[in-house]
Amino acid sequence: MQISAQEVKELRDQTGAGLMDCKRALVETEGDIEKARSVLREKGLAKAHKKSDRETGEGIIASYVHSTGKIGVLVELACETDFVARSEEFQELAREIAMQVAAMNPQAVRPEDLSEETVAAERELYLQQAADKPEHIREQIVEGKLEKFYQQTCLLKQEYIRDDSMTIEELVKGAIAKLGENIEVGRVVRMETGG
């Protein structure tokens, strides 16, 4: 199938992927741009997974103060090199994450950052709520409710406020695929006046 340069450029503009990756994705999907975006996203997530064990010794601390002046956020975002840390894409990612924290007020960055007591208390509550259910499905119900709890309280599991089709974790993995380096969200601090 013949793919035009305009189609490749359009896909690249939408995804930020390399030209050859865009062309391959369009050939694979027979010119369907939406399907090609999905293919690139899946491949990007696979690349991001491969990079996840690489050390992140550089990065930035980004700040966000809401227009009311009543909410402020600091976010530590780490990467592998100073070159990427200074890039506009990386700094924009840090700002987006800071705005997410301001809007959604997560309790932790990731589920494993929550205290054991908090998770145990939630698990106990869900077990009590499911006490009247058959035993063989009770644990599934509890795990499902715990996952919803993580989606509300953990930054990386939350839906991205600008695009609810992805989580913050997927947003970060997309940046890893695009920038070619491991990226990790470190510490997060949110302050609110009167709170």
N, C-alpha and C. Protein backbone atom coordinates (compact mmCIF):
# COMPACT_ATOMS: atom_id res chain seq x y z
N MET A 1 0.84 -1.19 0.00
CA MET A 1 0.00 0.00 0.00
C MET A 1 0.89 1.25 0.00
N GLN A 2 0.47 2.25 -0.76
CA GLN A 2 1.22 3.49 -0.86
C GLN A 2 0.76 4.45 0.23
N ILE A 3 1.70 4.93 1.04
CA ILE A 3 1.41 5.88 2.11
C ILE A 3 2.05 7.22 1.73
N SER A 4 1.25 8.29 1.77
CA SER A 4 1.78 9.60 1.37
C SER A 4 2.60 10.23 2.50
N ALA A 5 3.48 11.12 2.11
CA ALA A 5 4.30 11.84 3.08
C ALA A 5 3.42 12.68 4.00
N GLN A 6 2.31 13.19 3.47
CA GLN A 6 1.39 14.00 4.27
C GLN A 6 0.76 13.16 5.39
N GLU A 7 0.40 11.90 5.08
CA GLU A 7 -0.17 11.02 6.10
C GLU A 7 0.85 10.73 7.20
N VAL A 8 2.10 10.49 6.79
CA VAL A 8 3.17 10.23 7.75
C VAL A 8 3.38 11.46 8.63
N LYS A 9 3.40 12.64 8.00
CA LYS A 9 3.60 13.88 8.76
C LYS A 9 2.46 14.11 9.74
N GLU A 10 1.24 13.86 9.31
CA GLU A 10 0.07 14.04 10.18
C GLU A 10 0.16 13.14 11.40
N LEU A 11 0.53 11.87 11.18
CA LEU A 11 0.66 10.93 12.29
C LEU A 11 1.80 11.33 13.22
N ARG A 12 2.90 11.78 12.64
CA ARG A 12 4.04 12.23 13.46
C ARG A 12 3.65 13.43 14.31
N ASP A 13 2.91 14.39 13.73
CA ASP A 13 2.47 15.57 14.47
C ASP A 13 1.56 15.19 15.64
N GLN A 14 0.74 14.17 15.44
CA GLN A 14 -0.19 13.74 16.48
C GLN A 14 0.50 12.96 17.59
N THR A 15 1.55 12.20 17.25
CA THR A 15 2.13 11.28 18.22
C THR A 15 3.54 11.64 18.68
N GLY A 16 4.28 12.36 17.86
CA GLY A 16 5.67 12.67 18.19
C GLY A 16 6.61 11.51 17.91
N ALA A 17 6.12 10.43 17.30
CA ALA A 17 6.96 9.27 16.99
C ALA A 17 7.85 9.58 15.79
N GLY A 18 8.88 8.76 15.60
CA GLY A 18 9.79 8.93 14.48
C GLY A 18 9.10 8.71 13.14
N LEU A 19 9.67 9.30 12.07
CA LEU A 19 9.06 9.19 10.73
C LEU A 19 8.92 7.74 10.28
N MET A 20 9.99 6.96 10.43
CA MET A 20 9.94 5.57 9.97
C MET A 20 8.95 4.75 10.80
N ASP A 21 8.88 5.01 12.10
CA ASP A 21 7.90 4.32 12.94
C ASP A 21 6.48 4.66 12.49
N CYS A 22 6.25 5.93 12.16
CA CYS A 22 4.93 6.35 11.67
C CYS A 22 4.59 5.66 10.36
N LYS A 23 5.57 5.62 9.45
CA LYS A 23 5.32 4.99 8.15
C LYS A 23 5.01 3.50 8.33
N ARG A 24 5.81 2.81 9.16
CA ARG A 24 5.57 1.37 9.40
C ARG A 24 4.18 1.14 10.00
N ALA A 25 3.79 1.99 10.95
CA ALA A 25 2.48 1.84 11.59
C ALA A 25 1.35 2.06 10.58
N LEU A 26 1.51 3.02 9.68
CA LEU A 26 0.49 3.27 8.66
C LEU A 26 0.41 2.12 7.66
N VAL A 27 1.56 1.57 7.28
CA VAL A 27 1.57 0.42 6.36
C VAL A 27 0.88 -0.77 7.04
N GLU A 28 1.22 -0.99 8.31
CA GLU A 28 0.66 -2.12 9.07
C GLU A 28 -0.86 -2.01 9.20
N THR A 29 -1.37 -0.78 9.31
CA THR A 29 -2.81 -0.57 9.50
C THR A 29 -3.52 -0.14 8.21
N GLU A 30 -2.82 -0.28 7.10
CA GLU A 30 -3.38 0.03 5.77
C GLU A 30 -3.90 1.46 5.69
N GLY A 31 -3.13 2.41 6.29
CA GLY A 31 -3.45 3.82 6.17
C GLY A 31 -4.44 4.36 7.18
N ASP A 32 -4.93 3.53 8.09
CA ASP A 32 -5.88 3.98 9.11
C ASP A 32 -5.13 4.71 10.23
N ILE A 33 -5.28 6.03 10.29
CA ILE A 33 -4.51 6.84 11.24
C ILE A 33 -4.85 6.50 12.69
N GLU A 34 -6.11 6.28 13.00
CA GLU A 34 -6.49 5.95 14.38
C GLU A 34 -5.86 4.63 14.82
N LYS A 35 -5.93 3.62 13.96
CA LYS A 35 -5.32 2.33 14.29
C LYS A 35 -3.80 2.47 14.40
N ALA A 36 -3.21 3.29 13.53
CA ALA A 36 -1.76 3.51 13.56
C ALA A 36 -1.35 4.18 14.87
N ARG A 37 -2.17 5.11 15.37
CA ARG A 37 -1.89 5.74 16.67
C ARG A 37 -1.88 4.69 17.77
N SER A 38 -2.84 3.76 17.72
CA SER A 38 -2.90 2.68 18.73
C SER A 38 -1.67 1.79 18.66
N VAL A 39 -1.25 1.46 17.43
CA VAL A 39 -0.06 0.62 17.24
C VAL A 39 1.17 1.32 17.83
N LEU A 40 1.32 2.61 17.52
CA LEU A 40 2.47 3.37 18.04
C LEU A 40 2.42 3.47 19.56
N ARG A 41 1.23 3.63 20.10
CA ARG A 41 1.10 3.72 21.56
C ARG A 41 1.53 2.41 22.22
N GLU A 42 1.06 1.29 21.67
CA GLU A 42 1.43 -0.02 22.22
C GLU A 42 2.93 -0.26 22.14
N LYS A 43 3.52 0.07 20.98
CA LYS A 43 4.97 -0.10 20.83
C LYS A 43 5.73 0.82 21.77
N GLY A 44 5.22 2.03 21.95
CA GLY A 44 5.85 2.97 22.87
C GLY A 44 5.81 2.48 24.30
N LEU A 45 4.68 1.88 24.70
CA LEU A 45 4.58 1.35 26.05
C LEU A 45 5.53 0.18 26.24
N ALA A 46 5.71 -0.63 25.20
CA ALA A 46 6.66 -1.75 25.28
C ALA A 46 8.09 -1.23 25.42
N LYS A 47 8.44 -0.18 24.65
CA LYS A 47 9.77 0.42 24.77
C LYS A 47 9.97 1.01 26.16
N ALA A 48 8.93 1.65 26.68
CA ALA A 48 9.02 2.27 28.00
C ALA A 48 9.27 1.20 29.06
N HIS A 49 8.62 0.05 28.93
CA HIS A 49 8.82 -1.02 29.90
C HIS A 49 10.27 -1.50 29.90
N LYS A 50 10.88 -1.58 28.72
CA LYS A 50 12.28 -2.01 28.62
C LYS A 50 13.23 -1.03 29.30
N LYS A 51 12.87 0.26 29.32
CA LYS A 51 13.75 1.28 29.88
C LYS A 51 13.52 1.48 31.38
N SER A 52 12.50 0.85 31.95
CA SER A 52 12.09 1.15 33.31
C SER A 52 13.11 0.80 34.38
N ASP A 53 14.09 -0.05 34.07
CA ASP A 53 15.08 -0.40 35.10
C ASP A 53 16.35 0.44 34.99
N ARG A 54 16.39 1.39 34.07
CA ARG A 54 17.58 2.23 33.93
C ARG A 54 17.58 3.33 34.98
N GLU A 55 18.76 3.69 35.47
CA GLU A 55 18.90 4.65 36.56
C GLU A 55 18.56 6.08 36.10
N THR A 56 17.86 6.79 36.98
CA THR A 56 17.48 8.17 36.71
C THR A 56 18.21 9.09 37.69
N GLY A 57 19.31 9.67 37.25
CA GLY A 57 20.12 10.50 38.12
C GLY A 57 19.99 11.99 37.87
N GLU A 58 19.23 12.38 36.87
CA GLU A 58 19.01 13.79 36.54
C GLU A 58 17.52 14.09 36.66
N GLY A 59 17.14 15.32 36.41
CA GLY A 59 15.73 15.68 36.44
C GLY A 59 15.52 17.12 36.86
N ILE A 60 14.28 17.42 37.20
CA ILE A 60 13.92 18.78 37.61
C ILE A 60 12.89 18.73 38.74
N ILE A 61 12.74 19.87 39.37
CA ILE A 61 11.63 20.07 40.30
C ILE A 61 10.76 21.14 39.66
N ALA A 62 9.53 20.77 39.39
CA ALA A 62 8.59 21.70 38.75
C ALA A 62 7.61 22.21 39.80
N SER A 63 7.15 23.44 39.60
CA SER A 63 6.18 24.01 40.52
C SER A 63 4.94 24.46 39.75
N TYR A 64 3.84 24.48 40.47
CA TYR A 64 2.59 24.98 39.90
C TYR A 64 1.83 25.67 41.02
N VAL A 65 1.39 26.88 40.77
CA VAL A 65 0.54 27.59 41.72
C VAL A 65 -0.76 27.90 40.98
N HIS A 66 -1.87 27.44 41.54
CA HIS A 66 -3.18 27.65 40.91
C HIS A 66 -3.48 29.15 40.82
N SER A 67 -4.29 29.53 39.85
CA SER A 67 -4.57 30.95 39.59
C SER A 67 -5.16 31.67 40.80
N THR A 68 -5.81 30.96 41.70
CA THR A 68 -6.36 31.58 42.91
C THR A 68 -5.27 31.90 43.92
N GLY A 69 -4.08 31.28 43.74
CA GLY A 69 -3.00 31.47 44.69
C GLY A 69 -3.17 30.69 45.97
N LYS A 70 -4.16 29.81 46.03
CA LYS A 70 -4.46 29.07 47.25
C LYS A 70 -3.95 27.63 47.25
N ILE A 71 -3.51 27.14 46.08
CA ILE A 71 -2.96 25.77 45.97
C ILE A 71 -1.62 25.86 45.26
N GLY A 72 -0.61 25.23 45.84
CA GLY A 72 0.71 25.16 45.23
C GLY A 72 1.23 23.74 45.26
N VAL A 73 2.01 23.37 44.23
CA VAL A 73 2.53 22.02 44.10
C VAL A 73 3.99 22.05 43.68
N LEU A 74 4.78 21.12 44.25
CA LEU A 74 6.14 20.85 43.79
C LEU A 74 6.19 19.39 43.39
N VAL A 75 6.79 19.11 42.23
CA VAL A 75 6.92 17.74 41.72
C VAL A 75 8.37 17.50 41.34
N GLU A 76 8.92 16.39 41.81
CA GLU A 76 10.26 15.95 41.41
C GLU A 76 10.07 14.94 40.27
N LEU A 77 10.65 15.26 39.10
CA LEU A 77 10.56 14.37 37.95
C LEU A 77 11.99 14.03 37.52
N ALA A 78 12.31 12.75 37.53
CA ALA A 78 13.68 12.30 37.26
C ALA A 78 13.80 11.66 35.88
N CYS A 79 14.98 11.81 35.28
CA CYS A 79 15.29 11.18 34.00
C CYS A 79 16.76 10.77 34.02
N GLU A 80 17.27 10.29 32.90
CA GLU A 80 18.64 9.77 32.85
C GLU A 80 19.70 10.84 32.58
N THR A 81 19.37 11.84 31.76
CA THR A 81 20.39 12.82 31.35
C THR A 81 19.90 14.25 31.53
N ASP A 82 20.85 15.14 31.70
CA ASP A 82 20.57 16.57 31.80
C ASP A 82 19.97 17.09 30.50
N PHE A 83 20.39 16.52 29.38
CA PHE A 83 19.88 16.93 28.07
C PHE A 83 18.36 16.79 28.02
N VAL A 84 17.85 15.64 28.45
CA VAL A 84 16.40 15.43 28.45
C VAL A 84 15.73 16.30 29.51
N ALA A 85 16.37 16.43 30.68
CA ALA A 85 15.79 17.24 31.76
C ALA A 85 15.55 18.68 31.31
N ARG A 86 16.40 19.20 30.42
CA ARG A 86 16.25 20.57 29.95
C ARG A 86 15.31 20.69 28.76
N SER A 87 14.85 19.58 28.21
CA SER A 87 14.00 19.63 27.01
C SER A 87 12.61 20.17 27.35
N GLU A 88 12.01 20.82 26.38
CA GLU A 88 10.67 21.40 26.55
C GLU A 88 9.64 20.32 26.85
N GLU A 89 9.74 19.15 26.17
CA GLU A 89 8.77 18.07 26.38
C GLU A 89 8.80 17.57 27.82
N PHE A 90 10.02 17.41 28.37
CA PHE A 90 10.17 16.91 29.74
C PHE A 90 9.61 17.93 30.73
N GLN A 91 9.92 19.19 30.52
CA GLN A 91 9.44 20.23 31.43
C GLN A 91 7.93 20.38 31.35
N GLU A 92 7.38 20.21 30.16
CA GLU A 92 5.92 20.25 29.99
C GLU A 92 5.27 19.08 30.73
N LEU A 93 5.87 17.90 30.65
CA LEU A 93 5.37 16.74 31.38
C LEU A 93 5.34 17.03 32.88
N ALA A 94 6.41 17.62 33.40
CA ALA A 94 6.47 17.95 34.83
C ALA A 94 5.37 18.94 35.21
N ARG A 95 5.12 19.93 34.35
CA ARG A 95 4.04 20.90 34.63
C ARG A 95 2.68 20.23 34.63
N GLU A 96 2.47 19.33 33.66
CA GLU A 96 1.18 18.62 33.58
C GLU A 96 0.95 17.78 34.84
N ILE A 97 2.00 17.11 35.30
CA ILE A 97 1.87 16.29 36.51
C ILE A 97 1.59 17.18 37.71
N ALA A 98 2.24 18.34 37.79
CA ALA A 98 2.00 19.27 38.90
C ALA A 98 0.55 19.76 38.89
N MET A 99 0.01 20.05 37.71
CA MET A 99 -1.39 20.47 37.61
C MET A 99 -2.32 19.34 38.03
N GLN A 100 -1.98 18.11 37.66
CA GLN A 100 -2.76 16.94 38.06
C GLN A 100 -2.81 16.85 39.59
N VAL A 101 -1.67 17.02 40.23
CA VAL A 101 -1.60 16.95 41.70
C VAL A 101 -2.45 18.06 42.32
N ALA A 102 -2.38 19.26 41.75
CA ALA A 102 -3.18 20.37 42.27
C ALA A 102 -4.67 20.06 42.18
N ALA A 103 -5.09 19.48 41.06
CA ALA A 103 -6.51 19.22 40.82
C ALA A 103 -7.03 18.01 41.60
N MET A 104 -6.23 16.94 41.66
CA MET A 104 -6.74 15.66 42.17
C MET A 104 -6.26 15.29 43.58
N ASN A 105 -5.28 15.99 44.11
CA ASN A 105 -4.79 15.81 45.48
C ASN A 105 -4.56 14.33 45.85
N PRO A 106 -3.67 13.64 45.15
CA PRO A 106 -3.42 12.23 45.49
C PRO A 106 -2.74 12.09 46.85
N GLN A 107 -2.99 10.96 47.50
CA GLN A 107 -2.35 10.68 48.79
C GLN A 107 -0.94 10.15 48.61
N ALA A 108 -0.68 9.52 47.47
CA ALA A 108 0.62 8.90 47.23
C ALA A 108 0.91 8.92 45.74
N VAL A 109 2.19 8.69 45.37
CA VAL A 109 2.55 8.64 43.95
C VAL A 109 2.13 7.31 43.36
N ARG A 110 2.41 6.22 44.05
CA ARG A 110 2.09 4.87 43.57
C ARG A 110 1.50 4.04 44.70
N PRO A 111 0.78 2.96 44.42
CA PRO A 111 0.15 2.17 45.49
C PRO A 111 1.13 1.71 46.57
N GLU A 112 2.33 1.32 46.19
CA GLU A 112 3.29 0.83 47.19
C GLU A 112 3.77 1.94 48.13
N ASP A 113 3.47 3.20 47.82
CA ASP A 113 3.84 4.31 48.70
C ASP A 113 2.82 4.52 49.82
N LEU A 114 1.64 3.93 49.70
CA LEU A 114 0.64 4.02 50.76
C LEU A 114 1.09 3.19 51.95
N SER A 115 0.73 3.61 53.14
CA SER A 115 1.13 2.85 54.32
C SER A 115 0.39 1.51 54.35
N GLU A 116 1.03 0.52 54.95
CA GLU A 116 0.41 -0.80 55.08
C GLU A 116 -0.89 -0.71 55.87
N GLU A 117 -0.93 0.19 56.86
CA GLU A 117 -2.12 0.37 57.68
C GLU A 117 -3.30 0.88 56.85
N THR A 118 -3.01 1.84 55.95
CA THR A 118 -4.07 2.40 55.10
C THR A 118 -4.65 1.32 54.20
N VAL A 119 -3.78 0.55 53.55
CA VAL A 119 -4.25 -0.51 52.65
C VAL A 119 -5.00 -1.59 53.43
N ALA A 120 -4.48 -1.97 54.60
CA ALA A 120 -5.14 -3.00 55.42
C ALA A 120 -6.52 -2.53 55.87
N ALA A 121 -6.64 -1.26 56.24
CA ALA A 121 -7.94 -0.72 56.67
C ALA A 121 -8.94 -0.74 55.51
N GLU A 122 -8.48 -0.34 54.32
CA GLU A 122 -9.36 -0.37 53.14
C GLU A 122 -9.78 -1.81 52.82
N ARG A 123 -8.82 -2.73 52.85
CA ARG A 123 -9.11 -4.14 52.57
C ARG A 123 -10.16 -4.69 53.55
N GLU A 124 -9.99 -4.36 54.83
CA GLU A 124 -10.93 -4.82 55.86
C GLU A 124 -12.32 -4.27 55.61
N LEU A 125 -12.40 -2.98 55.26
CA LEU A 125 -13.69 -2.36 54.95
C LEU A 125 -14.37 -3.07 53.78
N TYR A 126 -13.60 -3.36 52.72
CA TYR A 126 -14.18 -4.01 51.54
C TYR A 126 -14.58 -5.45 51.84
N LEU A 127 -13.82 -6.13 52.70
CA LEU A 127 -14.19 -7.49 53.12
C LEU A 127 -15.52 -7.47 53.87
N GLN A 128 -15.71 -6.48 54.74
CA GLN A 128 -16.98 -6.36 55.47
C GLN A 128 -18.13 -6.08 54.51
N GLN A 129 -17.88 -5.22 53.52
CA GLN A 129 -18.93 -4.89 52.54
C GLN A 129 -19.31 -6.10 51.70
N ALA A 130 -18.36 -7.01 51.47
CA ALA A 130 -18.61 -8.18 50.63
C ALA A 130 -18.91 -9.43 51.45
N ALA A 131 -19.14 -9.28 52.74
CA ALA A 131 -19.34 -10.43 53.63
C ALA A 131 -20.51 -11.31 53.21
N ASP A 132 -21.54 -10.73 52.62
CA ASP A 132 -22.72 -11.51 52.23
C ASP A 132 -22.58 -12.17 50.86
N LYS A 133 -21.46 -11.95 50.18
CA LYS A 133 -21.23 -12.53 48.85
C LYS A 133 -20.61 -13.92 48.99
N PRO A 134 -20.78 -14.77 47.97
CA PRO A 134 -20.16 -16.09 48.02
C PRO A 134 -18.64 -15.98 48.17
N GLU A 135 -18.06 -16.87 48.94
CA GLU A 135 -16.64 -16.79 49.27
C GLU A 135 -15.74 -16.79 48.04
N HIS A 136 -16.11 -17.55 47.00
CA HIS A 136 -15.24 -17.67 45.83
C HIS A 136 -15.13 -16.37 45.02
N ILE A 137 -16.07 -15.43 45.20
CA ILE A 137 -15.95 -14.15 44.48
C ILE A 137 -15.61 -12.99 45.41
N ARG A 138 -15.60 -13.22 46.70
CA ARG A 138 -15.34 -12.15 47.67
C ARG A 138 -13.98 -11.49 47.44
N GLU A 139 -12.95 -12.29 47.24
CA GLU A 139 -11.60 -11.73 47.06
C GLU A 139 -11.52 -10.91 45.76
N GLN A 140 -12.22 -11.35 44.72
CA GLN A 140 -12.24 -10.59 43.46
C GLN A 140 -12.91 -9.23 43.68
N ILE A 141 -13.97 -9.21 44.45
CA ILE A 141 -14.67 -7.96 44.75
C ILE A 141 -13.74 -7.02 45.51
N VAL A 142 -13.05 -7.56 46.53
CA VAL A 142 -12.13 -6.76 47.33
C VAL A 142 -11.01 -6.20 46.46
N GLU A 143 -10.42 -7.04 45.60
CA GLU A 143 -9.33 -6.58 44.72
C GLU A 143 -9.82 -5.50 43.76
N GLY A 144 -11.02 -5.65 43.24
CA GLY A 144 -11.59 -4.64 42.35
C GLY A 144 -11.80 -3.31 43.06
N LYS A 145 -12.29 -3.36 44.29
CA LYS A 145 -12.50 -2.13 45.06
C LYS A 145 -11.16 -1.50 45.45
N LEU A 146 -10.16 -2.33 45.76
CA LEU A 146 -8.84 -1.79 46.07
C LEU A 146 -8.25 -1.08 44.85
N GLU A 147 -8.45 -1.66 43.67
CA GLU A 147 -7.95 -1.03 42.44
C GLU A 147 -8.61 0.33 42.24
N LYS A 148 -9.91 0.43 42.49
CA LYS A 148 -10.61 1.72 42.38
C LYS A 148 -10.08 2.72 43.40
N PHE A 149 -9.78 2.23 44.60
CA PHE A 149 -9.18 3.08 45.64
C PHE A 149 -7.84 3.63 45.17
N TYR A 150 -7.02 2.77 44.57
CA TYR A 150 -5.72 3.22 44.04
C TYR A 150 -5.90 4.26 42.94
N GLN A 151 -6.91 4.08 42.10
CA GLN A 151 -7.17 5.03 41.02
C GLN A 151 -7.56 6.40 41.54
N GLN A 152 -8.16 6.44 42.72
CA GLN A 152 -8.55 7.71 43.32
C GLN A 152 -7.41 8.35 44.12
N THR A 153 -6.58 7.52 44.76
CA THR A 153 -5.62 8.05 45.74
C THR A 153 -4.17 8.07 45.28
N CYS A 154 -3.83 7.35 44.21
CA CYS A 154 -2.43 7.25 43.77
C CYS A 154 -2.24 7.97 42.44
N LEU A 155 -1.33 8.93 42.42
CA LEU A 155 -1.11 9.77 41.25
C LEU A 155 -0.97 8.98 39.95
N LEU A 156 -0.09 7.98 39.92
CA LEU A 156 0.17 7.26 38.67
C LEU A 156 -1.04 6.47 38.18
N LYS A 157 -1.96 6.11 39.06
CA LYS A 157 -3.15 5.34 38.68
C LYS A 157 -4.34 6.22 38.32
N GLN A 158 -4.23 7.53 38.59
CA GLN A 158 -5.35 8.44 38.32
C GLN A 158 -5.52 8.69 36.82
N GLU A 159 -6.78 8.92 36.42
CA GLU A 159 -7.04 9.35 35.05
C GLU A 159 -6.43 10.73 34.86
N TYR A 160 -5.80 10.93 33.73
CA TYR A 160 -5.19 12.22 33.38
C TYR A 160 -6.31 13.25 33.20
N ILE A 161 -6.21 14.39 33.87
CA ILE A 161 -7.31 15.37 33.86
C ILE A 161 -7.57 15.96 32.48
N ARG A 162 -6.57 15.95 31.60
CA ARG A 162 -6.76 16.51 30.25
C ARG A 162 -7.20 15.47 29.22
N ASP A 163 -7.07 14.18 29.57
CA ASP A 163 -7.44 13.11 28.64
C ASP A 163 -7.77 11.86 29.45
N ASP A 164 -9.05 11.67 29.76
CA ASP A 164 -9.43 10.56 30.64
C ASP A 164 -9.31 9.18 30.00
N SER A 165 -8.81 9.13 28.76
CA SER A 165 -8.58 7.82 28.14
C SER A 165 -7.24 7.23 28.57
N MET A 166 -6.45 8.01 29.35
CA MET A 166 -5.16 7.50 29.82
C MET A 166 -4.94 7.87 31.27
N THR A 167 -4.07 7.11 31.92
CA THR A 167 -3.68 7.41 33.30
C THR A 167 -2.40 8.24 33.27
N ILE A 168 -2.02 8.75 34.42
CA ILE A 168 -0.75 9.49 34.52
C ILE A 168 0.41 8.53 34.24
N GLU A 169 0.28 7.29 34.67
CA GLU A 169 1.32 6.30 34.38
C GLU A 169 1.51 6.12 32.87
N GLU A 170 0.41 6.08 32.13
CA GLU A 170 0.49 5.95 30.67
C GLU A 170 1.05 7.22 30.03
N LEU A 171 0.72 8.38 30.60
CA LEU A 171 1.28 9.65 30.13
C LEU A 171 2.80 9.64 30.27
N VAL A 172 3.29 9.18 31.43
CA VAL A 172 4.74 9.10 31.67
C VAL A 172 5.38 8.08 30.72
N LYS A 173 4.74 6.93 30.54
CA LYS A 173 5.29 5.91 29.63
C LYS A 173 5.34 6.41 28.19
N GLY A 174 4.35 7.21 27.80
CA GLY A 174 4.38 7.81 26.47
C GLY A 174 5.57 8.75 26.32
N ALA A 175 5.88 9.50 27.38
CA ALA A 175 7.03 10.40 27.36
C ALA A 175 8.34 9.61 27.31
N ILE A 176 8.38 8.47 28.01
CA ILE A 176 9.56 7.61 27.98
C ILE A 176 9.81 7.13 26.55
N ALA A 177 8.74 6.70 25.89
CA ALA A 177 8.86 6.22 24.51
C ALA A 177 9.31 7.34 23.58
N LYS A 178 8.78 8.53 23.79
CA LYS A 178 9.08 9.66 22.91
C LYS A 178 10.49 10.21 23.14
N LEU A 179 10.90 10.33 24.42
CA LEU A 179 12.19 10.93 24.75
C LEU A 179 13.32 9.91 24.81
N GLY A 180 12.99 8.62 24.87
CA GLY A 180 14.01 7.58 24.82
C GLY A 180 14.78 7.37 26.10
N GLU A 181 14.24 7.85 27.22
CA GLU A 181 14.91 7.66 28.51
C GLU A 181 13.88 7.24 29.55
N ASN A 182 14.38 6.58 30.60
CA ASN A 182 13.52 6.25 31.72
C ASN A 182 13.16 7.55 32.44
N ILE A 183 11.91 7.67 32.85
CA ILE A 183 11.42 8.84 33.59
C ILE A 183 10.65 8.32 34.79
N GLU A 184 10.91 8.92 35.94
CA GLU A 184 10.22 8.52 37.16
C GLU A 184 9.71 9.74 37.90
N VAL A 185 8.49 9.62 38.44
CA VAL A 185 7.95 10.66 39.30
C VAL A 185 8.49 10.37 40.70
N GLY A 186 9.16 11.36 41.28
CA GLY A 186 9.71 11.20 42.62
C GLY A 186 8.74 11.73 43.67
N ARG A 187 9.23 12.66 44.46
CA ARG A 187 8.40 13.22 45.53
C ARG A 187 7.43 14.26 44.99
N VAL A 188 6.31 14.38 45.69
CA VAL A 188 5.26 15.32 45.34
C VAL A 188 4.81 16.02 46.62
N VAL A 189 4.71 17.34 46.58
CA VAL A 189 4.22 18.10 47.72
C VAL A 189 3.10 19.01 47.24
N ARG A 190 1.96 18.96 47.93
CA ARG A 190 0.83 19.83 47.60
C ARG A 190 0.46 20.62 48.84
N MET A 191 0.36 21.93 48.70
CA MET A 191 -0.04 22.79 49.82
C MET A 191 -1.28 23.57 49.44
N GLU A 192 -2.14 23.76 50.44
CA GLU A 192 -3.37 24.51 50.21
C GLU A 192 -3.59 25.41 51.42
N THR A 193 -3.92 26.67 51.17
CA THR A 193 -4.13 27.59 52.28
C THR A 193 -5.34 27.15 53.09
N GLY A 194 -5.22 27.31 54.39
CA GLY A 194 -6.34 26.94 55.27
C GLY A 194 -6.51 25.45 55.42
N GLY A 195 -5.65 24.64 54.80
CA GLY A 195 -5.82 23.19 54.86
C GLY A 195 -4.66 22.58 55.51
